Amino acid sequence: MAERLVTRDPQKLAADAALASLLNLTFLPGLALLWMLLQLSRATADGIDRYHLRLGIRINLAAAVALLLVSALMLLLGGFDSAWTWMYVIIYFTSVHTVFIVTAVWAMVRAWNGQRLRS
């Protein structure tokens, strides 16, 4: 049986990367990031697919750092038994995490159009 070489459309991979970035921020943390890291080797050198894979990885790593900082802040300023803990959690998810999600959605729309986040 002959092996068939499958070439992927860079714009399709860029859209998939943007979707994976959004999924990592919402439903599949870790798993979608791993998929993006594995796909990075398949991306074209200076293509739109590599751009959106790297952008998605950066967005998700920044979100992870922000979440770790908020968690450390919660532990340092009162622990999980403090009433202030819920204030930190609510503020983080309604402001900071929302910015990451909106950025991922914006990147996904740009990837669907074959464009970079900024021109």
C-alpha atoms as a PDB file:
ATOM      1  CA  MET A   1       0.000   0.000   0.000  1.00  0.00           C
ATOM      2  CA  ALA A   2       1.441   3.343  -1.041  1.00  0.00           C
ATOM      3  CA  GLU A   3       1.905   5.938   1.643  1.00  0.00           C
ATOM      4  CA  ARG A   4       0.181   9.176   0.823  1.00  0.00           C
ATOM      5  CA  LEU A   5       1.856  12.451   1.754  1.00  0.00           C
ATOM      6  CA  VAL A   6      -0.684  14.794   3.293  1.00  0.00           C
ATOM      7  CA  THR A   7       0.030  18.482   3.063  1.00  0.00           C
ATOM      8  CA  ARG A   8      -1.841  20.807   5.351  1.00  0.00           C
ATOM      9  CA  ASP A   9      -3.043  24.236   4.400  1.00  0.00           C
ATOM     10  CA  PRO A  10      -1.164  26.819   6.520  1.00  0.00           C
ATOM     11  CA  GLN A  11      -4.330  28.871   6.983  1.00  0.00           C
ATOM     12  CA  LYS A  12      -6.206  25.795   8.230  1.00  0.00           C
ATOM     13  CA  LEU A  13      -3.422  25.010  10.705  1.00  0.00           C
ATOM     14  CA  ALA A  14      -3.438  28.672  11.835  1.00  0.00           C
ATOM     15  CA  ALA A  15      -7.193  28.482  12.455  1.00  0.00           C
ATOM     16  CA  ASP A  16      -6.754  25.174  14.305  1.00  0.00           C
ATOM     17  CA  ALA A  17      -3.993  26.731  16.428  1.00  0.00           C
ATOM     18  CA  ALA A  18      -6.183  29.694  17.340  1.00  0.00           C
ATOM     19  CA  LEU A  19      -9.024  27.321  18.255  1.00  0.00           C
ATOM     20  CA  ALA A  20      -6.629  25.228  20.364  1.00  0.00           C
ATOM     21  CA  SER A  21      -5.516  28.387  22.150  1.00  0.00           C
ATOM     22  CA  LEU A  22      -9.119  29.215  22.990  1.00  0.00           C
ATOM     23  CA  LEU A  23      -9.817  25.631  24.069  1.00  0.00           C
ATOM     24  CA  ASN A  24      -6.754  25.663  26.311  1.00  0.00           C
ATOM     25  CA  LEU A  25      -8.078  28.766  28.063  1.00  0.00           C
ATOM     26  CA  THR A  26     -11.568  27.341  28.524  1.00  0.00           C
ATOM     27  CA  PHE A  27     -12.171  23.573  28.294  1.00  0.00           C
ATOM     28  CA  LEU A  28      -8.953  21.619  27.664  1.00  0.00           C
ATOM     29  CA  PRO A  29      -6.132  23.206  29.653  1.00  0.00           C
ATOM     30  CA  GLY A  30      -2.834  21.488  29.068  1.00  0.00           C
ATOM     31  CA  LEU A  31      -4.062  19.127  26.370  1.00  0.00           C
ATOM     32  CA  ALA A  32      -4.595  21.862  23.777  1.00  0.00           C
ATOM     33  CA  LEU A  33      -1.265  23.455  24.713  1.00  0.00           C
ATOM     34  CA  LEU A  34       0.475  20.128  24.174  1.00  0.00           C
ATOM     35  CA  TRP A  35      -1.194  19.836  20.750  1.00  0.00           C
ATOM     36  CA  MET A  36       0.069  23.328  19.820  1.00  0.00           C
ATOM     37  CA  LEU A  37       3.604  22.458  20.906  1.00  0.00           C
ATOM     38  CA  LEU A  38       3.531  19.269  18.816  1.00  0.00           C
ATOM     39  CA  GLN A  39       2.190  21.097  15.756  1.00  0.00           C
ATOM     40  CA  LEU A  40       4.933  23.728  15.918  1.00  0.00           C
ATOM     41  CA  SER A  41       7.385  21.397  14.162  1.00  0.00           C
ATOM     42  CA  ARG A  42       4.935  20.886  11.274  1.00  0.00           C
ATOM     43  CA  ALA A  43       4.413  24.598  10.632  1.00  0.00           C
ATOM     44  CA  THR A  44       6.025  26.429   7.741  1.00  0.00           C
ATOM     45  CA  ALA A  45       9.065  28.544   8.571  1.00  0.00           C
ATOM     46  CA  ASP A  46       7.613  32.051   8.312  1.00  0.00           C
ATOM     47  CA  GLY A  47       4.017  31.180   7.632  1.00  0.00           C
ATOM     48  CA  ILE A  48       0.749  32.259   9.144  1.00  0.00           C
ATOM     49  CA  ASP A  49       0.461  28.844  10.807  1.00  0.00           C
ATOM     50  CA  ARG A  50       3.703  29.248  12.790  1.00  0.00           C
ATOM     51  CA  TYR A  51       2.673  32.783  13.742  1.00  0.00           C
ATOM     52  CA  HIS A  52      -0.663  31.651  15.197  1.00  0.00           C
ATOM     53  CA  LEU A  53       0.866  28.615  16.916  1.00  0.00           C
ATOM     54  CA  ARG A  54       3.476  30.786  18.609  1.00  0.00           C
ATOM     55  CA  LEU A  55       0.869  33.438  19.463  1.00  0.00           C
ATOM     56  CA  GLY A  56      -1.412  30.825  21.022  1.00  0.00           C
ATOM     57  CA  ILE A  57       1.434  29.355  23.047  1.00  0.00           C
ATOM     58  CA  ARG A  58       2.422  32.821  24.290  1.00  0.00           C
ATOM     59  CA  ILE A  59      -1.151  33.739  25.236  1.00  0.00           C
ATOM     60  CA  ASN A  60      -1.598  30.508  27.151  1.00  0.00           C
ATOM     61  CA  LEU A  61       1.750  30.721  28.930  1.00  0.00           C
ATOM     62  CA  ALA A  62       0.949  34.300  29.970  1.00  0.00           C
ATOM     63  CA  ALA A  63      -2.435  33.114  31.276  1.00  0.00           C
ATOM     64  CA  ALA A  64      -0.722  30.335  33.240  1.00  0.00           C
ATOM     65  CA  VAL A  65       1.732  32.798  34.800  1.00  0.00           C
ATOM     66  CA  ALA A  66      -1.119  35.154  35.711  1.00  0.00           C
ATOM     67  CA  LEU A  67      -3.063  32.296  37.302  1.00  0.00           C
ATOM     68  CA  LEU A  68      -0.014  31.213  39.295  1.00  0.00           C
ATOM     69  CA  LEU A  69       0.551  34.781  40.496  1.00  0.00           C
ATOM     70  CA  VAL A  70      -3.066  35.150  41.605  1.00  0.00           C
ATOM     71  CA  SER A  71      -2.912  31.781  43.372  1.00  0.00           C
ATOM     72  CA  ALA A  72       0.288  32.802  45.170  1.00  0.00           C
ATOM     73  CA  LEU A  73      -1.305  36.112  46.104  1.00  0.00           C
ATOM     74  CA  MET A  74      -4.315  34.303  47.542  1.00  0.00           C
ATOM     75  CA  LEU A  75      -2.106  32.052  49.651  1.00  0.00           C
ATOM     76  CA  LEU A  76       0.065  34.916  50.888  1.00  0.00           C
ATOM     77  CA  LEU A  77      -2.807  37.248  51.752  1.00  0.00           C
ATOM     78  CA  GLY A  78      -5.080  34.954  53.672  1.00  0.00           C
ATOM     79  CA  GLY A  79      -5.164  31.433  52.301  1.00  0.00           C
ATOM     80  CA  PHE A  80      -8.171  29.632  50.943  1.00  0.00           C
ATOM     81  CA  ASP A  81     -10.212  30.133  54.139  1.00  0.00           C
ATOM     82  CA  SER A  82     -10.217  33.919  53.841  1.00  0.00           C
ATOM     83  CA  ALA A  83     -13.242  35.796  52.540  1.00  0.00           C
ATOM     84  CA  TRP A  84     -10.846  37.848  50.408  1.00  0.00           C
ATOM     85  CA  THR A  85      -9.949  34.750  48.416  1.00  0.00           C
ATOM     86  CA  TRP A  86     -13.259  34.828  46.540  1.00  0.00           C
ATOM     87  CA  MET A  87     -12.732  38.491  45.757  1.00  0.00           C
ATOM     88  CA  TYR A  88      -9.379  37.669  44.105  1.00  0.00           C
ATOM     89  CA  VAL A  89     -10.886  34.750  42.184  1.00  0.00           C
ATOM     90  CA  ILE A  90     -13.856  36.750  40.908  1.00  0.00           C
ATOM     91  CA  ILE A  91     -11.748  39.762  39.932  1.00  0.00           C
ATOM     92  CA  TYR A  92      -9.201  37.557  38.170  1.00  0.00           C
ATOM     93  CA  PHE A  93     -11.759  35.641  36.120  1.00  0.00           C
ATOM     94  CA  THR A  94     -13.935  38.647  35.261  1.00  0.00           C
ATOM     95  CA  SER A  95     -11.069  40.871  34.200  1.00  0.00           C
ATOM     96  CA  VAL A  96      -7.714  39.196  33.569  1.00  0.00           C
ATOM     97  CA  HIS A  97      -8.803  35.792  32.258  1.00  0.00           C
ATOM     98  CA  THR A  98     -11.483  37.436  30.132  1.00  0.00           C
ATOM     99  CA  VAL A  99      -8.800  39.518  28.400  1.00  0.00           C
ATOM    100  CA  PHE A 100      -6.920  36.322  27.508  1.00  0.00           C
ATOM    101  CA  ILE A 101     -10.099  34.718  26.129  1.00  0.00           C
ATOM    102  CA  VAL A 102     -11.059  37.801  24.092  1.00  0.00           C
ATOM    103  CA  THR A 103      -7.515  37.973  22.682  1.00  0.00           C
ATOM    104  CA  ALA A 104      -7.709  34.287  21.693  1.00  0.00           C
ATOM    105  CA  VAL A 105     -11.079  34.864  19.991  1.00  0.00           C
ATOM    106  CA  TRP A 106      -9.663  37.884  18.143  1.00  0.00           C
ATOM    107  CA  ALA A 107      -6.686  35.788  17.024  1.00  0.00           C
ATOM    108  CA  MET A 108      -9.056  33.041  15.846  1.00  0.00           C
ATOM    109  CA  VAL A 109     -11.048  35.468  13.699  1.00  0.00           C
ATOM    110  CA  ARG A 110      -7.825  36.841  12.208  1.00  0.00           C
ATOM    111  CA  ALA A 111      -6.555  33.283  11.538  1.00  0.00           C
ATOM    112  CA  TRP A 112      -9.804  32.411   9.752  1.00  0.00           C
ATOM    113  CA  ASN A 113      -9.050  35.336   7.425  1.00  0.00           C
ATOM    114  CA  GLY A 114      -5.403  34.318   6.986  1.00  0.00           C
ATOM    115  CA  GLN A 115      -4.168  37.417   8.777  1.00  0.00           C
ATOM    116  CA  ARG A 116      -1.853  38.145  11.664  1.00  0.00           C
ATOM    117  CA  LEU A 117      -3.115  39.747  14.851  1.00  0.00           C
ATOM    118  CA  ARG A 118      -1.459  43.017  13.923  1.00  0.00           C
ATOM    119  CA  SER A 119      -0.616  44.101  10.433  1.00  0.00           C
END
